[in-house]
PDB file of N, CA and C in Angstrom:
ATOM      1  N   UNK A   1       0.856  -1.192   0.020  1.00  0.00           N
ATOM      2  CA  UNK A   1      -0.016  -0.065  -0.057  1.00  0.00           C
ATOM      3  C   UNK A   1       0.967   1.252   0.079  1.00  0.00           C
ATOM      4  N   UNK A   2       0.642   2.142  -0.903  1.00  0.00           N
ATOM      5  CA  UNK A   2       1.621   3.246  -1.068  1.00  0.00           C
ATOM      6  C   UNK A   2       1.268   4.337   0.180  1.00  0.00           C
ATOM      7  N   UNK A   3       2.362   4.936   0.504  1.00  0.00           N
ATOM      8  CA  UNK A   3       2.344   6.132   1.555  1.00  0.00           C
ATOM      9  C   UNK A   3       1.669   7.266   0.837  1.00  0.00           C
ATOM     10  N   UNK A   4       0.554   7.666   1.457  1.00  0.00           N
ATOM     11  CA  UNK A   4      -0.167   8.851   0.978  1.00  0.00           C
ATOM     12  C   UNK A   4       0.446  10.208   1.566  1.00  0.00           C
ATOM     13  N   UNK A   5       0.602  11.151   0.762  1.00  0.00           N
ATOM     14  CA  UNK A   5       0.967  12.442   1.098  1.00  0.00           C
ATOM     15  C   UNK A   5      -0.069  13.231   1.561  1.00  0.00           C
ATOM     16  N   UNK A   6      -0.060  13.863   2.842  1.00  0.00           N
ATOM     17  CA  UNK A   6      -1.227  14.765   3.238  1.00  0.00           C
ATOM     18  C   UNK A   6      -1.438  15.831   2.351  1.00  0.00           C
ATOM     19  N   UNK A   7      -2.654  16.186   2.047  1.00  0.00           N
ATOM     20  CA  UNK A   7      -3.050  17.346   1.265  1.00  0.00           C
ATOM     21  C   UNK A   7      -3.731  18.471   2.161  1.00  0.00           C
ATOM     22  N   UNK A   8      -3.124  19.602   2.276  1.00  0.00           N
ATOM     23  CA  UNK A   8      -3.626  20.609   3.107  1.00  0.00           C
ATOM     24  C   UNK A   8      -3.934  21.909   2.278  1.00  0.00           C
ATOM     25  N   UNK A   9      -5.176  22.462   2.543  1.00  0.00           N
ATOM     26  CA  UNK A   9      -5.641  23.623   1.847  1.00  0.00           C
ATOM     27  C   UNK A   9      -5.346  24.820   2.800  1.00  0.00           C
ATOM     28  N   UNK A  10      -4.599  25.869   2.438  1.00  0.00           N
ATOM     29  CA  UNK A  10      -4.263  27.121   3.168  1.00  0.00           C
ATOM     30  C   UNK A  10      -5.193  28.159   2.504  1.00  0.00           C
ATOM     31  N   UNK A  11      -5.927  28.891   3.475  1.00  0.00           N
ATOM     32  CA  UNK A  11      -6.966  29.951   2.945  1.00  0.00           C
ATOM     33  C   UNK A  11      -6.423  31.139   3.822  1.00  0.00           C
ATOM     34  N   UNK A  12      -5.717  32.006   3.077  1.00  0.00           N
ATOM     35  CA  UNK A  12      -5.235  33.211   3.747  1.00  0.00           C
ATOM     36  C   UNK A  12      -5.187  34.409   2.550  1.00  0.00           C
ATOM     37  N   UNK A  13      -5.655  35.548   2.973  1.00  0.00           N
ATOM     38  CA  UNK A  13      -5.729  36.439   2.147  1.00  0.00           C
ATOM     39  C   UNK A  13      -4.464  37.477   1.977  1.00  0.00           C
ATOM     40  N   UNK A  14      -3.548  37.236   2.892  1.00  0.00           N
ATOM     41  CA  UNK A  14      -2.222  37.894   2.796  1.00  0.00           C
ATOM     42  C   UNK A  14      -1.253  37.099   2.062  1.00  0.00           C
ATOM     43  N   UNK A  15      -0.952  37.426   0.949  1.00  0.00           N
ATOM     44  CA  UNK A  15      -0.146  36.594   0.036  1.00  0.00           C
ATOM     45  C   UNK A  15       1.227  36.181   0.717  1.00  0.00           C
ATOM     46  N   UNK A  16       1.941  37.026   1.436  1.00  0.00           N
ATOM     47  CA  UNK A  16       3.256  36.695   2.000  1.00  0.00           C
ATOM     48  C   UNK A  16       3.041  35.567   3.121  1.00  0.00           C
ATOM     49  N   UNK A  17       1.908  35.836   3.918  1.00  0.00           N
ATOM     50  CA  UNK A  17       1.562  34.808   4.943  1.00  0.00           C
ATOM     51  C   UNK A  17       1.159  33.502   4.394  1.00  0.00           C
ATOM     52  N   UNK A  18       0.437  33.521   3.335  1.00  0.00           N
ATOM     53  CA  UNK A  18       0.022  32.299   2.733  1.00  0.00           C
ATOM     54  C   UNK A  18       1.183  31.601   2.234  1.00  0.00           C
ATOM     55  N   UNK A  19       2.120  32.303   1.424  1.00  0.00           N
ATOM     56  CA  UNK A  19       3.316  31.741   0.849  1.00  0.00           C
ATOM     57  C   UNK A  19       4.289  31.163   1.943  1.00  0.00           C
ATOM     58  N   UNK A  20       4.409  31.782   3.058  1.00  0.00           N
ATOM     59  CA  UNK A  20       5.273  31.357   4.142  1.00  0.00           C
ATOM     60  C   UNK A  20       4.663  29.942   4.805  1.00  0.00           C
ATOM     61  N   UNK A  21       3.290  29.942   4.935  1.00  0.00           N
ATOM     62  CA  UNK A  21       2.673  28.822   5.455  1.00  0.00           C
ATOM     63  C   UNK A  21       2.846  27.618   4.547  1.00  0.00           C
ATOM     64  N   UNK A  22       2.702  27.938   3.166  1.00  0.00           N
ATOM     65  CA  UNK A  22       2.815  26.881   2.164  1.00  0.00           C
ATOM     66  C   UNK A  22       4.100  26.396   2.106  1.00  0.00           C
ATOM     67  N   UNK A  23       5.231  27.199   2.258  1.00  0.00           N
ATOM     68  CA  UNK A  23       6.543  26.744   2.101  1.00  0.00           C
ATOM     69  C   UNK A  23       6.879  25.886   3.338  1.00  0.00           C
ATOM     70  N   UNK A  24       6.435  26.218   4.417  1.00  0.00           N
ATOM     71  CA  UNK A  24       6.666  25.568   5.730  1.00  0.00           C
ATOM     72  C   UNK A  24       6.149  24.066   5.662  1.00  0.00           C
ATOM     73  N   UNK A  25       4.815  24.031   5.181  1.00  0.00           N
ATOM     74  CA  UNK A  25       4.164  22.712   5.067  1.00  0.00           C
ATOM     75  C   UNK A  25       4.780  21.921   4.017  1.00  0.00           C
ATOM     76  N   UNK A  26       5.181  22.491   2.786  1.00  0.00           N
ATOM     77  CA  UNK A  26       5.845  21.793   1.713  1.00  0.00           C
ATOM     78  C   UNK A  26       7.206  21.214   2.232  1.00  0.00           C
ATOM     79  N   UNK A  27       7.845  21.962   3.100  1.00  0.00           N
ATOM     80  CA  UNK A  27       9.253  21.511   3.718  1.00  0.00           C
ATOM     81  C   UNK A  27       8.933  20.245   4.507  1.00  0.00           C
ATOM     82  N   UNK A  28       7.699  20.074   5.000  1.00  0.00           N
ATOM     83  CA  UNK A  28       7.401  18.968   5.913  1.00  0.00           C
ATOM     84  C   UNK A  28       6.859  17.811   4.980  1.00  0.00           C
ATOM     85  N   UNK A  29       6.845  17.910   3.788  1.00  0.00           N
ATOM     86  CA  UNK A  29       6.375  16.856   2.912  1.00  0.00           C
ATOM     87  C   UNK A  29       4.914  16.763   2.629  1.00  0.00           C
ATOM     88  N   UNK A  30       4.231  17.994   2.780  1.00  0.00           N
ATOM     89  CA  UNK A  30       2.812  18.123   2.623  1.00  0.00           C
ATOM     90  C   UNK A  30       2.506  18.636   1.248  1.00  0.00           C
ATOM     91  N   UNK A  31       1.503  18.142   0.657  1.00  0.00           N
ATOM     92  CA  UNK A  31       0.969  18.609  -0.643  1.00  0.00           C
ATOM     93  C   UNK A  31       0.134  19.761  -0.350  1.00  0.00           C
ATOM     94  N   UNK A  32       0.441  21.066  -0.821  1.00  0.00           N
ATOM     95  CA  UNK A  32      -0.282  22.143  -0.349  1.00  0.00           C
ATOM     96  C   UNK A  32      -1.062  22.905  -1.521  1.00  0.00           C
ATOM     97  N   UNK A  33      -2.415  23.189  -1.195  1.00  0.00           N
ATOM     98  CA  UNK A  33      -3.229  23.819  -2.053  1.00  0.00           C
ATOM     99  C   UNK A  33      -3.333  25.369  -1.426  1.00  0.00           C
ATOM    100  N   UNK A  34      -3.602  26.296  -2.246  1.00  0.00           N
ATOM    101  CA  UNK A  34      -3.560  27.675  -1.633  1.00  0.00           C
ATOM    102  C   UNK A  34      -4.849  28.416  -2.240  1.00  0.00           C
ATOM    103  N   UNK A  35      -5.558  29.240  -1.389  1.00  0.00           N
ATOM    104  CA  UNK A  35      -6.799  30.003  -1.758  1.00  0.00           C
ATOM    105  C   UNK A  35      -6.642  31.330  -1.111  1.00  0.00           C
ATOM    106  N   UNK A  36      -6.902  32.450  -1.838  1.00  0.00           N
ATOM    107  CA  UNK A  36      -6.934  33.764  -1.100  1.00  0.00           C
ATOM    108  C   UNK A  36      -8.211  34.115  -0.309  1.00  0.00           C
ATOM    109  N   UNK A  37      -9.273  33.391  -0.579  1.00  0.00           N
ATOM    110  CA  UNK A  37     -10.538  33.726   0.171  1.00  0.00           C
ATOM    111  C   UNK A  37     -11.409  32.248   0.025  1.00  0.00           C
ATOM    112  N   UNK A  38     -12.553  32.384   0.840  1.00  0.00           N
ATOM    113  CA  UNK A  38     -13.319  31.264   1.014  1.00  0.00           C
ATOM    114  C   UNK A  38     -14.048  30.709  -0.286  1.00  0.00           C
ATOM    115  N   UNK A  39     -14.487  31.696  -1.172  1.00  0.00           N
ATOM    116  CA  UNK A  39     -15.155  31.180  -2.433  1.00  0.00           C
ATOM    117  C   UNK A  39     -14.157  30.369  -3.218  1.00  0.00           C
ATOM    118  N   UNK A  40     -12.955  30.789  -3.412  1.00  0.00           N
ATOM    119  CA  UNK A  40     -11.957  29.924  -4.093  1.00  0.00           C
ATOM    120  C   UNK A  40     -11.634  28.669  -3.453  1.00  0.00           C
ATOM    121  N   UNK A  41     -11.573  28.732  -1.994  1.00  0.00           N
ATOM    122  CA  UNK A  41     -11.418  27.410  -1.370  1.00  0.00           C
ATOM    123  C   UNK A  41     -12.414  26.469  -1.574  1.00  0.00           C
ATOM    124  N   UNK A  42     -13.650  26.756  -1.532  1.00  0.00           N
ATOM    125  CA  UNK A  42     -14.714  25.930  -1.855  1.00  0.00           C
ATOM    126  C   UNK A  42     -14.699  25.229  -3.254  1.00  0.00           C
ATOM    127  N   UNK A  43     -14.380  26.143  -4.195  1.00  0.00           N
ATOM    128  CA  UNK A  43     -14.203  25.600  -5.621  1.00  0.00           C
ATOM    129  C   UNK A  43     -13.093  24.537  -5.553  1.00  0.00           C
ATOM    130  N   UNK A  44     -12.082  24.738  -4.865  1.00  0.00           N
ATOM    131  CA  UNK A  44     -10.916  23.901  -4.886  1.00  0.00           C
ATOM    132  C   UNK A  44     -11.265  22.596  -4.096  1.00  0.00           C
ATOM    133  N   UNK A  45     -12.050  22.722  -2.952  1.00  0.00           N
ATOM    134  CA  UNK A  45     -12.506  21.608  -2.234  1.00  0.00           C
ATOM    135  C   UNK A  45     -13.315  20.725  -3.102  1.00  0.00           C
ATOM    136  N   UNK A  46     -14.133  21.162  -4.042  1.00  0.00           N
ATOM    137  CA  UNK A  46     -14.794  20.283  -4.925  1.00  0.00           C
ATOM    138  C   UNK A  46     -13.954  19.354  -5.745  1.00  0.00           C
ATOM    139  N   UNK A  47     -12.770  19.738  -6.064  1.00  0.00           N
ATOM    140  CA  UNK A  47     -11.779  18.992  -6.824  1.00  0.00           C
ATOM    141  C   UNK A  47     -10.854  18.321  -5.888  1.00  0.00           C
ATOM    142  N   UNK A  48     -11.021  18.251  -4.629  1.00  0.00           N
ATOM    143  CA  UNK A  48      -9.980  17.662  -3.691  1.00  0.00           C
ATOM    144  C   UNK A  48     -10.733  17.000  -2.611  1.00  0.00           C
ATOM    145  N   UNK A  49     -11.527  15.913  -2.947  1.00  0.00           N
ATOM    146  CA  UNK A  49     -12.219  15.154  -1.907  1.00  0.00           C
ATOM    147  C   UNK A  49     -11.383  14.422  -0.944  1.00  0.00           C
ATOM    148  N   UNK A  50     -10.049  14.300  -1.278  1.00  0.00           N
ATOM    149  CA  UNK A  50      -9.083  13.643  -0.365  1.00  0.00           C
ATOM    150  C   UNK A  50      -8.217  14.578   0.446  1.00  0.00           C
ATOM    151  N   UNK A  51      -8.849  15.788   0.661  1.00  0.00           N
ATOM    152  CA  UNK A  51      -8.148  16.719   1.475  1.00  0.00           C
ATOM    153  C   UNK A  51      -7.978  16.196   2.934  1.00  0.00           C
ATOM    154  N   UNK A  52      -6.869  16.442   3.581  1.00  0.00           N
ATOM    155  CA  UNK A  52      -6.501  15.989   4.859  1.00  0.00           C
ATOM    156  C   UNK A  52      -6.729  17.028   5.869  1.00  0.00           C
ATOM    157  N   UNK A  53      -6.357  18.307   5.425  1.00  0.00           N
ATOM    158  CA  UNK A  53      -6.441  19.353   6.517  1.00  0.00           C
ATOM    159  C   UNK A  53      -6.809  20.766   5.768  1.00  0.00           C
ATOM    160  N   UNK A  54      -7.389  21.611   6.563  1.00  0.00           N
ATOM    161  CA  UNK A  54      -7.666  23.077   6.254  1.00  0.00           C
ATOM    162  C   UNK A  54      -7.010  23.972   7.216  1.00  0.00           C
ATOM    163  N   UNK A  55      -6.350  24.955   6.676  1.00  0.00           N
ATOM    164  CA  UNK A  55      -5.709  26.009   7.596  1.00  0.00           C
ATOM    165  C   UNK A  55      -6.329  27.206   6.922  1.00  0.00           C
ATOM    166  N   UNK A  56      -7.142  27.917   7.854  1.00  0.00           N
ATOM    167  CA  UNK A  56      -7.829  29.077   7.522  1.00  0.00           C
ATOM    168  C   UNK A  56      -7.748  30.235   8.370  1.00  0.00           C
ATOM    169  N   UNK A  57      -7.595  31.508   7.922  1.00  0.00           N
ATOM    170  CA  UNK A  57      -7.668  32.688   8.553  1.00  0.00           C
ATOM    171  C   UNK A  57      -9.138  32.974   8.888  1.00  0.00           C
ATOM    172  N   UNK A  58      -9.423  33.667   9.888  1.00  0.00           N
ATOM    173  CA  UNK A  58     -10.865  34.172  10.178  1.00  0.00           C
ATOM    174  C   UNK A  58     -11.240  35.315   9.333  1.00  0.00           C
ATOM    175  N   UNK A  59     -10.479  36.287   9.437  1.00  0.00           N
ATOM    176  CA  UNK A  59     -10.755  37.650   8.691  1.00  0.00           C
ATOM    177  C   UNK A  59     -10.321  37.504   7.253  1.00  0.00           C
ATOM    178  N   UNK A  60     -11.318  37.472   6.393  1.00  0.00           N
ATOM    179  CA  UNK A  60     -10.871  37.458   4.906  1.00  0.00           C
ATOM    180  C   UNK A  60     -12.010  38.245   4.102  1.00  0.00           C
ATOM    181  N   UNK A  61     -11.607  38.663   2.943  1.00  0.00           N
ATOM    182  CA  UNK A  61     -12.470  39.364   2.180  1.00  0.00           C
ATOM    183  C   UNK A  61     -13.647  38.396   1.628  1.00  0.00           C
ATOM    184  N   UNK A  62     -14.661  38.860   1.116  1.00  0.00           N
ATOM    185  CA  UNK A  62     -15.790  38.014   0.602  1.00  0.00           C
ATOM    186  C   UNK A  62     -16.886  37.817   1.487  1.00  0.00           C
ATOM    187  N   UNK A  63     -17.784  37.021   1.129  1.00  0.00           N
ATOM    188  CA  UNK A  63     -19.148  36.876   1.862  1.00  0.00           C
ATOM    189  C   UNK A  63     -19.052  35.863   3.017  1.00  0.00           C
ATOM    190  N   UNK A  64     -17.959  35.061   3.012  1.00  0.00           N
ATOM    191  CA  UNK A  64     -17.819  33.942   4.025  1.00  0.00           C
ATOM    192  C   UNK A  64     -16.415  34.218   4.730  1.00  0.00           C
ATOM    193  N   UNK A  65     -16.446  34.207   6.098  1.00  0.00           N
ATOM    194  CA  UNK A  65     -15.206  34.267   6.902  1.00  0.00           C
ATOM    195  C   UNK A  65     -14.692  32.803   7.040  1.00  0.00           C
ATOM    196  N   UNK A  66     -13.473  32.847   7.776  1.00  0.00           N
ATOM    197  CA  UNK A  66     -12.888  31.546   7.903  1.00  0.00           C
ATOM    198  C   UNK A  66     -13.679  30.552   8.894  1.00  0.00           C
ATOM    199  N   UNK A  67     -14.432  31.132   9.771  1.00  0.00           N
ATOM    200  CA  UNK A  67     -15.107  30.219  10.656  1.00  0.00           C
ATOM    201  C   UNK A  67     -16.337  29.610   9.929  1.00  0.00           C
ATOM    202  N   UNK A  68     -17.007  30.368   9.114  1.00  0.00           N
ATOM    203  CA  UNK A  68     -18.034  29.805   8.199  1.00  0.00           C
ATOM    204  C   UNK A  68     -17.402  28.765   7.295  1.00  0.00           C
ATOM    205  N   UNK A  69     -16.338  29.112   6.645  1.00  0.00           N
ATOM    206  CA  UNK A  69     -15.630  28.086   5.757  1.00  0.00           C
ATOM    207  C   UNK A  69     -15.332  26.821   6.496  1.00  0.00           C
ATOM    208  N   UNK A  70     -14.820  27.034   7.736  1.00  0.00           N
ATOM    209  CA  UNK A  70     -14.524  25.737   8.523  1.00  0.00           C
ATOM    210  C   UNK A  70     -15.725  24.982   8.779  1.00  0.00           C
ATOM    211  N   UNK A  71     -16.748  25.479   9.072  1.00  0.00           N
ATOM    212  CA  UNK A  71     -17.983  24.830   9.373  1.00  0.00           C
ATOM    213  C   UNK A  71     -18.469  24.099   8.106  1.00  0.00           C
ATOM    214  N   UNK A  72     -18.388  24.797   6.944  1.00  0.00           N
ATOM    215  CA  UNK A  72     -18.832  24.168   5.678  1.00  0.00           C
ATOM    216  C   UNK A  72     -17.781  22.868   5.399  1.00  0.00           C
ATOM    217  N   UNK A  73     -16.508  23.034   5.561  1.00  0.00           N
ATOM    218  CA  UNK A  73     -15.528  21.920   5.366  1.00  0.00           C
ATOM    219  C   UNK A  73     -15.886  20.776   6.177  1.00  0.00           C
ATOM    220  N   UNK A  74     -16.210  21.167   7.507  1.00  0.00           N
ATOM    221  CA  UNK A  74     -16.495  20.080   8.451  1.00  0.00           C
ATOM    222  C   UNK A  74     -17.778  19.195   8.149  1.00  0.00           C
ATOM    223  N   UNK A  75     -18.670  20.033   7.445  1.00  0.00           N
ATOM    224  CA  UNK A  75     -19.890  19.326   7.001  1.00  0.00           C
ATOM    225  C   UNK A  75     -19.622  18.359   5.814  1.00  0.00           C
ATOM    226  N   UNK A  76     -18.713  18.711   5.007  1.00  0.00           N
ATOM    227  CA  UNK A  76     -18.267  17.931   3.771  1.00  0.00           C
ATOM    228  C   UNK A  76     -17.315  16.912   4.057  1.00  0.00           C
ATOM    229  N   UNK A  77     -16.396  17.157   4.882  1.00  0.00           N
ATOM    230  CA  UNK A  77     -15.228  16.222   5.108  1.00  0.00           C
ATOM    231  C   UNK A  77     -15.078  16.086   6.648  1.00  0.00           C
ATOM    232  N   UNK A  78     -15.738  15.055   7.146  1.00  0.00           N
ATOM    233  CA  UNK A  78     -15.891  14.877   8.687  1.00  0.00           C
ATOM    234  C   UNK A  78     -14.546  14.602   9.285  1.00  0.00           C
ATOM    235  N   UNK A  79     -13.613  14.026   8.507  1.00  0.00           N
ATOM    236  CA  UNK A  79     -12.332  13.652   9.164  1.00  0.00           C
ATOM    237  C   UNK A  79     -11.236  14.702   8.832  1.00  0.00           C
ATOM    238  N   UNK A  80     -11.481  15.680   8.145  1.00  0.00           N
ATOM    239  CA  UNK A  80     -10.557  16.747   7.690  1.00  0.00           C
ATOM    240  C   UNK A  80      -9.982  17.451   9.120  1.00  0.00           C
ATOM    241  N   UNK A  81      -8.656  17.603   9.267  1.00  0.00           N
ATOM    242  CA  UNK A  81      -8.227  18.343  10.289  1.00  0.00           C
ATOM    243  C   UNK A  81      -8.421  19.915   9.927  1.00  0.00           C
ATOM    244  N   UNK A  82      -8.779  20.688  10.930  1.00  0.00           N
ATOM    245  CA  UNK A  82      -9.238  21.992  10.701  1.00  0.00           C
ATOM    246  C   UNK A  82      -8.378  22.886  11.701  1.00  0.00           C
ATOM    247  N   UNK A  83      -7.667  23.824  11.225  1.00  0.00           N
ATOM    248  CA  UNK A  83      -6.799  24.760  11.970  1.00  0.00           C
ATOM    249  C   UNK A  83      -7.244  26.154  11.600  1.00  0.00           C
ATOM    250  N   UNK A  84      -7.849  26.934  12.542  1.00  0.00           N
ATOM    251  CA  UNK A  84      -8.315  28.278  12.415  1.00  0.00           C
ATOM    252  C   UNK A  84      -7.366  29.112  12.967  1.00  0.00           C
ATOM    253  N   UNK A  85      -7.033  30.179  12.249  1.00  0.00           N
ATOM    254  CA  UNK A  85      -5.869  31.159  12.814  1.00  0.00           C
ATOM    255  C   UNK A  85      -6.380  32.627  12.688  1.00  0.00           C
ATOM    256  N   UNK A  86      -5.769  33.371  13.516  1.00  0.00           N
ATOM    257  CA  UNK A  86      -6.051  34.829  13.436  1.00  0.00           C
ATOM    258  C   UNK A  86      -5.118  35.693  14.300  1.00  0.00           C
ATOM    259  N   UNK A  87      -4.827  36.874  13.821  1.00  0.00           N
ATOM    260  CA  UNK A  87      -3.987  37.687  14.782  1.00  0.00           C
ATOM    261  C   UNK A  87      -4.778  38.858  15.258  1.00  0.00           C
ATOM    262  N   UNK A  88      -6.062  38.809  15.081  1.00  0.00           N
ATOM    263  CA  UNK A  88      -6.983  39.795  15.551  1.00  0.00           C
ATOM    264  C   UNK A  88      -8.248  39.262  16.265  1.00  0.00           C
ATOM    265  N   UNK A  89      -8.696  38.117  15.837  1.00  0.00           N
ATOM    266  CA  UNK A  89     -10.021  37.705  16.499  1.00  0.00           C
ATOM    267  C   UNK A  89      -9.628  36.347  17.225  1.00  0.00           C
ATOM    268  N   UNK A  90     -10.156  36.243  18.413  1.00  0.00           N
ATOM    269  CA  UNK A  90     -10.097  34.886  19.084  1.00  0.00           C
ATOM    270  C   UNK A  90     -11.561  34.309  19.264  1.00  0.00           C
ATOM    271  N   UNK A  91     -11.844  33.276  18.576  1.00  0.00           N
ATOM    272  CA  UNK A  91     -13.177  32.829  18.612  1.00  0.00           C
ATOM    273  C   UNK A  91     -13.597  32.043  19.941  1.00  0.00           C
ATOM    274  N   UNK A  92     -14.929  32.187  20.157  1.00  0.00           N
ATOM    275  CA  UNK A  92     -15.282  31.345  21.263  1.00  0.00           C
ATOM    276  C   UNK A  92     -15.450  29.931  20.821  1.00  0.00           C
ATOM    277  N   UNK A  93     -15.300  28.952  21.737  1.00  0.00           N
ATOM    278  CA  UNK A  93     -15.172  27.714  21.400  1.00  0.00           C
ATOM    279  C   UNK A  93     -16.508  27.177  20.678  1.00  0.00           C
ATOM    280  N   UNK A  94     -17.618  27.853  20.975  1.00  0.00           N
ATOM    281  CA  UNK A  94     -18.833  27.593  20.384  1.00  0.00           C
ATOM    282  C   UNK A  94     -19.046  27.873  18.971  1.00  0.00           C
ATOM    283  N   UNK A  95     -18.123  28.846  18.577  1.00  0.00           N
ATOM    284  CA  UNK A  95     -18.062  29.328  17.138  1.00  0.00           C
ATOM    285  C   UNK A  95     -17.336  28.362  16.230  1.00  0.00           C
ATOM    286  N   UNK A  96     -16.363  27.498  16.822  1.00  0.00           N
ATOM    287  CA  UNK A  96     -15.583  26.690  15.975  1.00  0.00           C
ATOM    288  C   UNK A  96     -16.261  25.259  15.780  1.00  0.00           C
ATOM    289  N   UNK A  97     -15.952  24.720  14.599  1.00  0.00           N
ATOM    290  CA  UNK A  97     -16.447  23.371  14.360  1.00  0.00           C
ATOM    291  C   UNK A  97     -15.828  22.320  15.222  1.00  0.00           C
ATOM    292  N   UNK A  98     -16.545  21.289  15.540  1.00  0.00           N
ATOM    293  CA  UNK A  98     -16.113  20.199  16.445  1.00  0.00           C
ATOM    294  C   UNK A  98     -14.815  19.723  15.919  1.00  0.00           C
ATOM    295  N   UNK A  99     -13.904  19.633  16.841  1.00  0.00           N
ATOM    296  CA  UNK A  99     -12.448  18.984  16.477  1.00  0.00           C
ATOM    297  C   UNK A  99     -11.495  19.948  15.863  1.00  0.00           C
ATOM    298  N   UNK A 100     -11.846  21.308  15.731  1.00  0.00           N
ATOM    299  CA  UNK A 100     -10.941  22.143  15.130  1.00  0.00           C
ATOM    300  C   UNK A 100     -10.072  22.752  16.212  1.00  0.00           C
ATOM    301  N   UNK A 101      -8.939  23.324  15.735  1.00  0.00           N
ATOM    302  CA  UNK A 101      -7.862  23.961  16.711  1.00  0.00           C
ATOM    303  C   UNK A 101      -7.710  25.361  16.223  1.00  0.00           C
ATOM    304  N   UNK A 102      -7.527  26.337  17.177  1.00  0.00           N
ATOM    305  CA  UNK A 102      -7.276  27.739  17.020  1.00  0.00           C
ATOM    306  C   UNK A 102      -5.860  27.897  17.294  1.00  0.00           C
ATOM    307  N   UNK A 103      -5.129  28.731  16.428  1.00  0.00           N
ATOM    308  CA  UNK A 103      -3.865  29.231  16.598  1.00  0.00           C
ATOM    309  C   UNK A 103      -3.818  30.744  16.415  1.00  0.00           C
ATOM    310  N   UNK A 104      -3.278  31.400  17.466  1.00  0.00           N
ATOM    311  CA  UNK A 104      -3.214  32.846  17.364  1.00  0.00           C
ATOM    312  C   UNK A 104      -1.877  33.179  16.678  1.00  0.00           C
ATOM    313  N   UNK A 105      -1.982  34.046  15.518  1.00  0.00           N
ATOM    314  CA  UNK A 105      -0.735  34.547  14.889  1.00  0.00           C
ATOM    315  C   UNK A 105       0.038  35.614  15.822  1.00  0.00           C
ATOM    316  N   UNK A 106       1.256  35.672  15.704  1.00  0.00           N
ATOM    317  CA  UNK A 106       2.092  34.663  14.872  1.00  0.00           C
ATOM    318  C   UNK A 106       2.273  33.326  15.713  1.00  0.00           C
ATOM    319  N   UNK A 107       2.690  32.400  14.944  1.00  0.00           N
ATOM    320  CA  UNK A 107       2.962  31.100  15.516  1.00  0.00           C
ATOM    321  C   UNK A 107       4.037  30.459  14.765  1.00  0.00           C
ATOM    322  N   UNK A 108       4.687  29.388  15.211  1.00  0.00           N
ATOM    323  CA  UNK A 108       5.839  28.776  14.726  1.00  0.00           C
ATOM    324  C   UNK A 108       5.261  27.622  13.793  1.00  0.00           C
ATOM    325  N   UNK A 109       6.104  27.240  12.745  1.00  0.00           N
ATOM    326  CA  UNK A 109       5.690  26.188  11.959  1.00  0.00           C
ATOM    327  C   UNK A 109       5.440  24.901  12.698  1.00  0.00           C
ATOM    328  N   UNK A 110       6.164  24.529  13.739  1.00  0.00           N
ATOM    329  CA  UNK A 110       6.003  23.528  14.591  1.00  0.00           C
ATOM    330  C   UNK A 110       4.598  23.418  15.272  1.00  0.00           C
ATOM    331  N   UNK A 111       4.163  24.704  15.596  1.00  0.00           N
ATOM    332  CA  UNK A 111       2.838  24.779  16.287  1.00  0.00           C
ATOM    333  C   UNK A 111       1.890  24.238  15.194  1.00  0.00           C
ATOM    334  N   UNK A 112       1.923  24.683  14.040  1.00  0.00           N
ATOM    335  CA  UNK A 112       0.961  24.382  12.946  1.00  0.00           C
ATOM    336  C   UNK A 112       1.093  22.907  12.642  1.00  0.00           C
ATOM    337  N   UNK A 113       2.273  22.344  12.540  1.00  0.00           N
ATOM    338  CA  UNK A 113       2.349  20.821  12.313  1.00  0.00           C
ATOM    339  C   UNK A 113       1.786  20.020  13.501  1.00  0.00           C
ATOM    340  N   UNK A 114       1.984  20.542  14.692  1.00  0.00           N
ATOM    341  CA  UNK A 114       1.284  19.839  15.814  1.00  0.00           C
ATOM    342  C   UNK A 114      -0.160  19.759  15.825  1.00  0.00           C
ATOM    343  N   UNK A 115      -0.681  21.093  15.328  1.00  0.00           N
ATOM    344  CA  UNK A 115      -2.154  21.177  15.339  1.00  0.00           C
ATOM    345  C   UNK A 115      -2.814  20.437  14.177  1.00  0.00           C
ATOM    346  N   UNK A 116      -2.111  20.024  13.115  1.00  0.00           N
ATOM    347  CA  UNK A 116      -2.573  19.288  12.059  1.00  0.00           C
ATOM    348  C   UNK A 116      -2.460  17.815  12.348  1.00  0.00           C
ATOM    349  N   UNK A 117      -1.687  17.303  13.350  1.00  0.00           N
ATOM    350  CA  UNK A 117      -1.565  15.950  13.595  1.00  0.00           C
ATOM    351  C   UNK A 117      -2.801  15.486  14.294  1.00  0.00           C
TER     352      UNK A 117
END
C-alpha cells in the first residue's frame, strides 16, 4: 500500500503569510493547495475530496469568513483536520467546528504541524 502524502488547503488573503505557510508545510512533505478567500477554497474543495487538512484565517474578504468556511468543510469532510488562525480575533469555542484547533498569529511552523496531527 503506497504512503499517501497529506493534502492541506491554506486559505489566507495575505499573500506573504500564505506563501510562508505553504513553504513551511511543503518542507514537511505536505501537498499544499492555496486560496486567497473562501469562495476559491470551496471551488478547490470540490476538486479535492481527499483533503486531509484546512488551515484558514478568520478575517478574509468576501461573503464568508474563515469560521463559516471551516464549518462548511467540516460538514463535507468529517475527518478533515481544521486549523483556524487569526491575529485579530479569538473565537469562542462554540463558534468553532467540532475537532478544530485555533492558533493565534504569529505562531511557529512546529505549532502548525502539531495542530494538524
